[in-house]
Structures are given as C-alpha cells and as structure tokens.
C-alpha cells in the first residue's frame, strides 16, 4: 500500500491514482485540487495541463512548471477552506497550503484556487496567492530590562519573562 501524496491518509490507488491515470473523473473541486497536488509530486505535467480550463491554458509555462515540480521535494498538502465545488456545483474555490523544499529552503505555497465544472468535469480556472496574515500585538512588546507589566517592580526578565 502506498499512501497518497495528497495527505488524505488513503491508498494512492483508491485516492488520486484513478484520476491521474484517467480512469475516473474528479467528483469535486477538492478532489481535483488533491489530484493536481499529487501530479506535482510526480511531475505529471500532462495531468496538470489536461486539468486546466480552456480559458487558462494560454498562461501555462510547461517548462517552468516541470522544473518546479522536479526540483522540489514535496512535504504535504493542507486544505484550509472549501467553498462550493461539490458534485452538484458548477464552480468552487479551494484554499490550500502546499509545503515543499527547494534549494534547501522550506517553502509554503498558499493559494485560493478557483475551479469550474464543464460537461460534468472539473477544471482549474485560476488561482490567487494568499499572503500570511500579519499578527498585530494588542500591547507593546516588553523588553527584557524593562519593569515587568505585572507591577512587581522587578525587571521583566527576572519576573514574568
């Protein structure tokens, strides 16, 4: 048994394998997202090209995509949010995080992918990169040598720090 690279904890032959070999169509936008991630892990550029919507095929750089897929060590896929994209829907979005290592540096690719169904088949239409949310402190940062905010009169590093 080989676990599917899409992180579904399912056997590859029962998960993304039938989609990549063309024996089954993906039933949902999320299933297509998982299958496309798996295709990247296997550098299956034919599947990635085949599952792009007609309207998005012009901006596909096959050579660069193949290089990225081959030069990366794929670490995992996390589905963050799914909107629509069920079997009865015509459109859907999937927010995801794909982690990989390239040139010795770990990367986290976050994207909101847009999918469209035509003739009962799901296609990748477009994607928007997601930037990490900026964390804003509610109170100013306390320095190690400043008085502790708890009111003890001690330095922060000797008290609550």
C-alpha atoms as a PDB file:
ATOM      1  CA  UNK A   1       0.000   0.000   0.000  1.00  0.00           C
ATOM      2  CA  UNK A   2       1.320   3.407  -0.972  1.00  0.00           C
ATOM      3  CA  UNK A   3      -0.242   6.356   0.848  1.00  0.00           C
ATOM      4  CA  UNK A   4      -1.428   9.082  -1.497  1.00  0.00           C
ATOM      5  CA  UNK A   5       0.816  12.183  -1.578  1.00  0.00           C
ATOM      6  CA  UNK A   6      -2.254  14.443  -1.178  1.00  0.00           C
ATOM      7  CA  UNK A   7      -2.239  13.727   2.582  1.00  0.00           C
ATOM      8  CA  UNK A   8      -5.685  12.089   2.616  1.00  0.00           C
ATOM      9  CA  UNK A   9      -4.326   9.051   4.522  1.00  0.00           C
ATOM     10  CA  UNK A  10      -5.771   6.869   1.760  1.00  0.00           C
ATOM     11  CA  UNK A  11      -4.082   4.410  -0.559  1.00  0.00           C
ATOM     12  CA  UNK A  12      -2.898   6.132  -3.773  1.00  0.00           C
ATOM     13  CA  UNK A  13      -4.734   3.572  -5.946  1.00  0.00           C
ATOM     14  CA  UNK A  14      -8.025   4.412  -4.183  1.00  0.00           C
ATOM     15  CA  UNK A  15      -7.435   8.160  -3.968  1.00  0.00           C
ATOM     16  CA  UNK A  16      -5.708  10.213  -6.691  1.00  0.00           C
ATOM     17  CA  UNK A  17      -4.333   7.341  -8.784  1.00  0.00           C
ATOM     18  CA  UNK A  18      -7.533   6.758 -10.811  1.00  0.00           C
ATOM     19  CA  UNK A  19      -7.746  10.498 -11.584  1.00  0.00           C
ATOM     20  CA  UNK A  20      -4.146  10.756 -12.764  1.00  0.00           C
ATOM     21  CA  UNK A  21      -4.378   7.657 -14.947  1.00  0.00           C
ATOM     22  CA  UNK A  22      -7.636   8.931 -16.488  1.00  0.00           C
ATOM     23  CA  UNK A  23      -9.838   6.023 -15.417  1.00  0.00           C
ATOM     24  CA  UNK A  24     -12.061   8.311 -13.275  1.00  0.00           C
ATOM     25  CA  UNK A  25     -13.111  11.962 -13.260  1.00  0.00           C
ATOM     26  CA  UNK A  26     -12.722  14.002 -10.100  1.00  0.00           C
ATOM     27  CA  UNK A  27     -16.141  14.347  -8.428  1.00  0.00           C
ATOM     28  CA  UNK A  28     -15.399  17.634  -6.609  1.00  0.00           C
ATOM     29  CA  UNK A  29     -13.165  20.689  -6.799  1.00  0.00           C
ATOM     30  CA  UNK A  30     -11.300  19.498  -3.693  1.00  0.00           C
ATOM     31  CA  UNK A  31     -10.652  16.104  -5.287  1.00  0.00           C
ATOM     32  CA  UNK A  32      -9.187  17.877  -8.324  1.00  0.00           C
ATOM     33  CA  UNK A  33      -7.044  20.073  -6.059  1.00  0.00           C
ATOM     34  CA  UNK A  34      -5.683  16.968  -4.315  1.00  0.00           C
ATOM     35  CA  UNK A  35      -5.073  15.207  -7.639  1.00  0.00           C
ATOM     36  CA  UNK A  36      -3.252  18.237  -9.051  1.00  0.00           C
ATOM     37  CA  UNK A  37      -1.022  18.396  -5.965  1.00  0.00           C
ATOM     38  CA  UNK A  38      -0.285  14.690  -6.391  1.00  0.00           C
ATOM     39  CA  UNK A  39       0.533  15.339 -10.053  1.00  0.00           C
ATOM     40  CA  UNK A  40       3.066  17.963  -8.957  1.00  0.00           C
ATOM     41  CA  UNK A  41       4.693  15.458  -6.584  1.00  0.00           C
ATOM     42  CA  UNK A  42       5.045  13.033  -9.504  1.00  0.00           C
ATOM     43  CA  UNK A  43       5.978  15.733 -12.047  1.00  0.00           C
ATOM     44  CA  UNK A  44       2.981  14.607 -14.146  1.00  0.00           C
ATOM     45  CA  UNK A  45       2.786  17.752 -16.263  1.00  0.00           C
ATOM     46  CA  UNK A  46       0.357  16.123 -18.709  1.00  0.00           C
ATOM     47  CA  UNK A  47      -2.244  15.819 -15.943  1.00  0.00           C
ATOM     48  CA  UNK A  48      -1.644  19.375 -14.768  1.00  0.00           C
ATOM     49  CA  UNK A  49      -2.073  20.673 -18.335  1.00  0.00           C
ATOM     50  CA  UNK A  50      -5.080  18.429 -19.016  1.00  0.00           C
ATOM     51  CA  UNK A  51      -6.946  19.697 -15.929  1.00  0.00           C
ATOM     52  CA  UNK A  52      -6.526  23.400 -16.710  1.00  0.00           C
ATOM     53  CA  UNK A  53      -9.602  25.183 -18.005  1.00  0.00           C
ATOM     54  CA  UNK A  54      -9.504  26.254 -21.663  1.00  0.00           C
ATOM     55  CA  UNK A  55      -9.516  29.918 -20.592  1.00  0.00           C
ATOM     56  CA  UNK A  56      -6.334  29.471 -18.530  1.00  0.00           C
ATOM     57  CA  UNK A  57      -4.224  27.348 -20.879  1.00  0.00           C
ATOM     58  CA  UNK A  58      -2.517  30.341 -22.531  1.00  0.00           C
ATOM     59  CA  UNK A  59      -0.693  31.381 -19.353  1.00  0.00           C
ATOM     60  CA  UNK A  60       0.726  27.910 -18.609  1.00  0.00           C
ATOM     61  CA  UNK A  61       4.524  27.680 -18.752  1.00  0.00           C
ATOM     62  CA  UNK A  62       5.035  23.942 -19.091  1.00  0.00           C
ATOM     63  CA  UNK A  63       8.855  24.035 -18.897  1.00  0.00           C
ATOM     64  CA  UNK A  64       8.896  26.173 -15.741  1.00  0.00           C
ATOM     65  CA  UNK A  65       6.173  24.062 -14.126  1.00  0.00           C
ATOM     66  CA  UNK A  66       8.050  20.850 -14.886  1.00  0.00           C
ATOM     67  CA  UNK A  67      11.283  22.303 -13.476  1.00  0.00           C
ATOM     68  CA  UNK A  68       9.495  23.428 -10.291  1.00  0.00           C
ATOM     69  CA  UNK A  69       7.816  20.034  -9.857  1.00  0.00           C
ATOM     70  CA  UNK A  70      11.049  18.073 -10.398  1.00  0.00           C
ATOM     71  CA  UNK A  71      13.304  20.353  -8.350  1.00  0.00           C
ATOM     72  CA  UNK A  72      11.019  20.351  -5.309  1.00  0.00           C
ATOM     73  CA  UNK A  73      10.737  17.853  -2.500  1.00  0.00           C
ATOM     74  CA  UNK A  74       7.026  17.871  -1.707  1.00  0.00           C
ATOM     75  CA  UNK A  75       6.206  17.767   2.017  1.00  0.00           C
ATOM     76  CA  UNK A  76       2.427  17.910   2.183  1.00  0.00           C
ATOM     77  CA  UNK A  77      -0.886  19.460   1.286  1.00  0.00           C
ATOM     78  CA  UNK A  78      -3.307  21.052   3.718  1.00  0.00           C
ATOM     79  CA  UNK A  79      -6.786  22.070   2.611  1.00  0.00           C
ATOM     80  CA  UNK A  80      -7.610  25.264   4.521  1.00  0.00           C
ATOM     81  CA  UNK A  81     -11.092  26.123   3.214  1.00  0.00           C
ATOM     82  CA  UNK A  82     -13.527  24.862   0.593  1.00  0.00           C
ATOM     83  CA  UNK A  83     -16.409  26.918  -0.820  1.00  0.00           C
ATOM     84  CA  UNK A  84     -18.863  25.161  -3.104  1.00  0.00           C
ATOM     85  CA  UNK A  85     -17.206  22.744  -5.528  1.00  0.00           C
ATOM     86  CA  UNK A  86     -19.454  19.792  -4.670  1.00  0.00           C
ATOM     87  CA  UNK A  87     -20.781  17.334  -7.241  1.00  0.00           C
ATOM     88  CA  UNK A  88     -23.870  19.473  -7.900  1.00  0.00           C
ATOM     89  CA  UNK A  89     -21.998  22.803  -8.149  1.00  0.00           C
ATOM     90  CA  UNK A  90     -20.620  24.439 -11.281  1.00  0.00           C
ATOM     91  CA  UNK A  91     -17.884  26.448  -9.547  1.00  0.00           C
ATOM     92  CA  UNK A  92     -15.823  26.120  -6.405  1.00  0.00           C
ATOM     93  CA  UNK A  93     -12.818  27.509  -4.572  1.00  0.00           C
ATOM     94  CA  UNK A  94     -10.241  25.667  -2.510  1.00  0.00           C
ATOM     95  CA  UNK A  95      -7.774  27.446  -0.253  1.00  0.00           C
ATOM     96  CA  UNK A  96      -4.735  25.320   0.388  1.00  0.00           C
ATOM     97  CA  UNK A  97      -1.188  25.228   1.643  1.00  0.00           C
ATOM     98  CA  UNK A  98       1.375  23.149  -0.256  1.00  0.00           C
ATOM     99  CA  UNK A  99       4.693  22.748   1.544  1.00  0.00           C
ATOM    100  CA  UNK A 100       7.878  21.827  -0.271  1.00  0.00           C
ATOM    101  CA  UNK A 101      11.648  22.194  -0.116  1.00  0.00           C
ATOM    102  CA  UNK A 102      13.515  23.809  -2.981  1.00  0.00           C
ATOM    103  CA  UNK A 103      17.226  24.652  -2.981  1.00  0.00           C
ATOM    104  CA  UNK A 104      17.399  23.514   0.650  1.00  0.00           C
ATOM    105  CA  UNK A 105      14.791  26.008   1.819  1.00  0.00           C
ATOM    106  CA  UNK A 106      11.323  25.058   3.038  1.00  0.00           C
ATOM    107  CA  UNK A 107       8.511  26.926   1.289  1.00  0.00           C
ATOM    108  CA  UNK A 108       4.795  27.252   1.981  1.00  0.00           C
ATOM    109  CA  UNK A 109       2.729  27.989  -1.127  1.00  0.00           C
ATOM    110  CA  UNK A 110      -0.719  29.260  -0.105  1.00  0.00           C
ATOM    111  CA  UNK A 111      -3.328  29.819  -2.735  1.00  0.00           C
ATOM    112  CA  UNK A 112      -7.055  30.269  -3.338  1.00  0.00           C
ATOM    113  CA  UNK A 113      -7.710  28.105  -6.387  1.00  0.00           C
ATOM    114  CA  UNK A 114     -10.811  28.628  -8.499  1.00  0.00           C
ATOM    115  CA  UNK A 115     -12.387  25.647 -10.259  1.00  0.00           C
ATOM    116  CA  UNK A 116     -15.096  25.362 -12.888  1.00  0.00           C
ATOM    117  CA  UNK A 117     -17.070  22.333 -13.992  1.00  0.00           C
ATOM    118  CA  UNK A 118     -17.911  21.814 -17.655  1.00  0.00           C
ATOM    119  CA  UNK A 119     -19.545  18.744 -19.170  1.00  0.00           C
ATOM    120  CA  UNK A 120     -19.506  17.086 -15.735  1.00  0.00           C
ATOM    121  CA  UNK A 121     -15.725  17.507 -15.397  1.00  0.00           C
ATOM    122  CA  UNK A 122     -13.821  19.813 -13.020  1.00  0.00           C
ATOM    123  CA  UNK A 123     -11.037  22.112 -14.285  1.00  0.00           C
ATOM    124  CA  UNK A 124      -8.599  24.503 -12.627  1.00  0.00           C
ATOM    125  CA  UNK A 125      -9.500  28.020 -13.783  1.00  0.00           C
ATOM    126  CA  UNK A 126      -7.278  30.409 -11.841  1.00  0.00           C
ATOM    127  CA  UNK A 127      -5.520  30.940  -8.539  1.00  0.00           C
ATOM    128  CA  UNK A 128      -4.622  33.806  -6.239  1.00  0.00           C
ATOM    129  CA  UNK A 129      -1.615  33.568  -3.952  1.00  0.00           C
ATOM    130  CA  UNK A 130      -2.511  34.153  -0.315  1.00  0.00           C
ATOM    131  CA  UNK A 131      -0.208  36.189   1.873  1.00  0.00           C
ATOM    132  CA  UNK A 132       0.112  35.233   5.527  1.00  0.00           C
ATOM    133  CA  UNK A 133      -1.962  37.337   7.884  1.00  0.00           C
ATOM    134  CA  UNK A 134       0.048  39.911   9.801  1.00  0.00           C
ATOM    135  CA  UNK A 135      -0.115  39.489  13.563  1.00  0.00           C
ATOM    136  CA  UNK A 136      -0.619  42.793  15.386  1.00  0.00           C
ATOM    137  CA  UNK A 137       0.146  42.924  19.106  1.00  0.00           C
ATOM    138  CA  UNK A 138      -2.563  44.336  21.307  1.00  0.00           C
ATOM    139  CA  UNK A 139       0.037  45.830  23.653  1.00  0.00           C
ATOM    140  CA  UNK A 140       3.591  46.991  23.060  1.00  0.00           C
ATOM    141  CA  UNK A 141       6.375  44.443  23.384  1.00  0.00           C
ATOM    142  CA  UNK A 142       8.054  44.471  26.768  1.00  0.00           C
ATOM    143  CA  UNK A 143      11.851  44.499  26.715  1.00  0.00           C
ATOM    144  CA  UNK A 144      13.851  42.155  28.972  1.00  0.00           C
ATOM    145  CA  UNK A 145      15.235  45.002  31.096  1.00  0.00           C
ATOM    146  CA  UNK A 146      12.027  46.995  31.385  1.00  0.00           C
ATOM    147  CA  UNK A 147       9.850  46.881  34.502  1.00  0.00           C
ATOM    148  CA  UNK A 148       7.510  43.888  34.493  1.00  0.00           C
ATOM    149  CA  UNK A 149       3.950  44.830  33.467  1.00  0.00           C
ATOM    150  CA  UNK A 150       2.553  42.743  36.355  1.00  0.00           C
ATOM    151  CA  UNK A 151       3.545  45.552  38.765  1.00  0.00           C
ATOM    152  CA  UNK A 152       6.053  43.595  40.875  1.00  0.00           C
ATOM    153  CA  UNK A 153       8.759  46.237  40.439  1.00  0.00           C
ATOM    154  CA  UNK A 154      11.204  43.621  39.136  1.00  0.00           C
ATOM    155  CA  UNK A 155      12.709  43.593  35.674  1.00  0.00           C
ATOM    156  CA  UNK A 156      10.619  41.633  33.172  1.00  0.00           C
ATOM    157  CA  UNK A 157      13.420  39.055  32.619  1.00  0.00           C
ATOM    158  CA  UNK A 158      13.510  38.274  36.394  1.00  0.00           C
ATOM    159  CA  UNK A 159       9.749  38.121  36.791  1.00  0.00           C
ATOM    160  CA  UNK A 160       7.233  37.077  34.104  1.00  0.00           C
ATOM    161  CA  UNK A 161       9.699  36.918  31.214  1.00  0.00           C
END
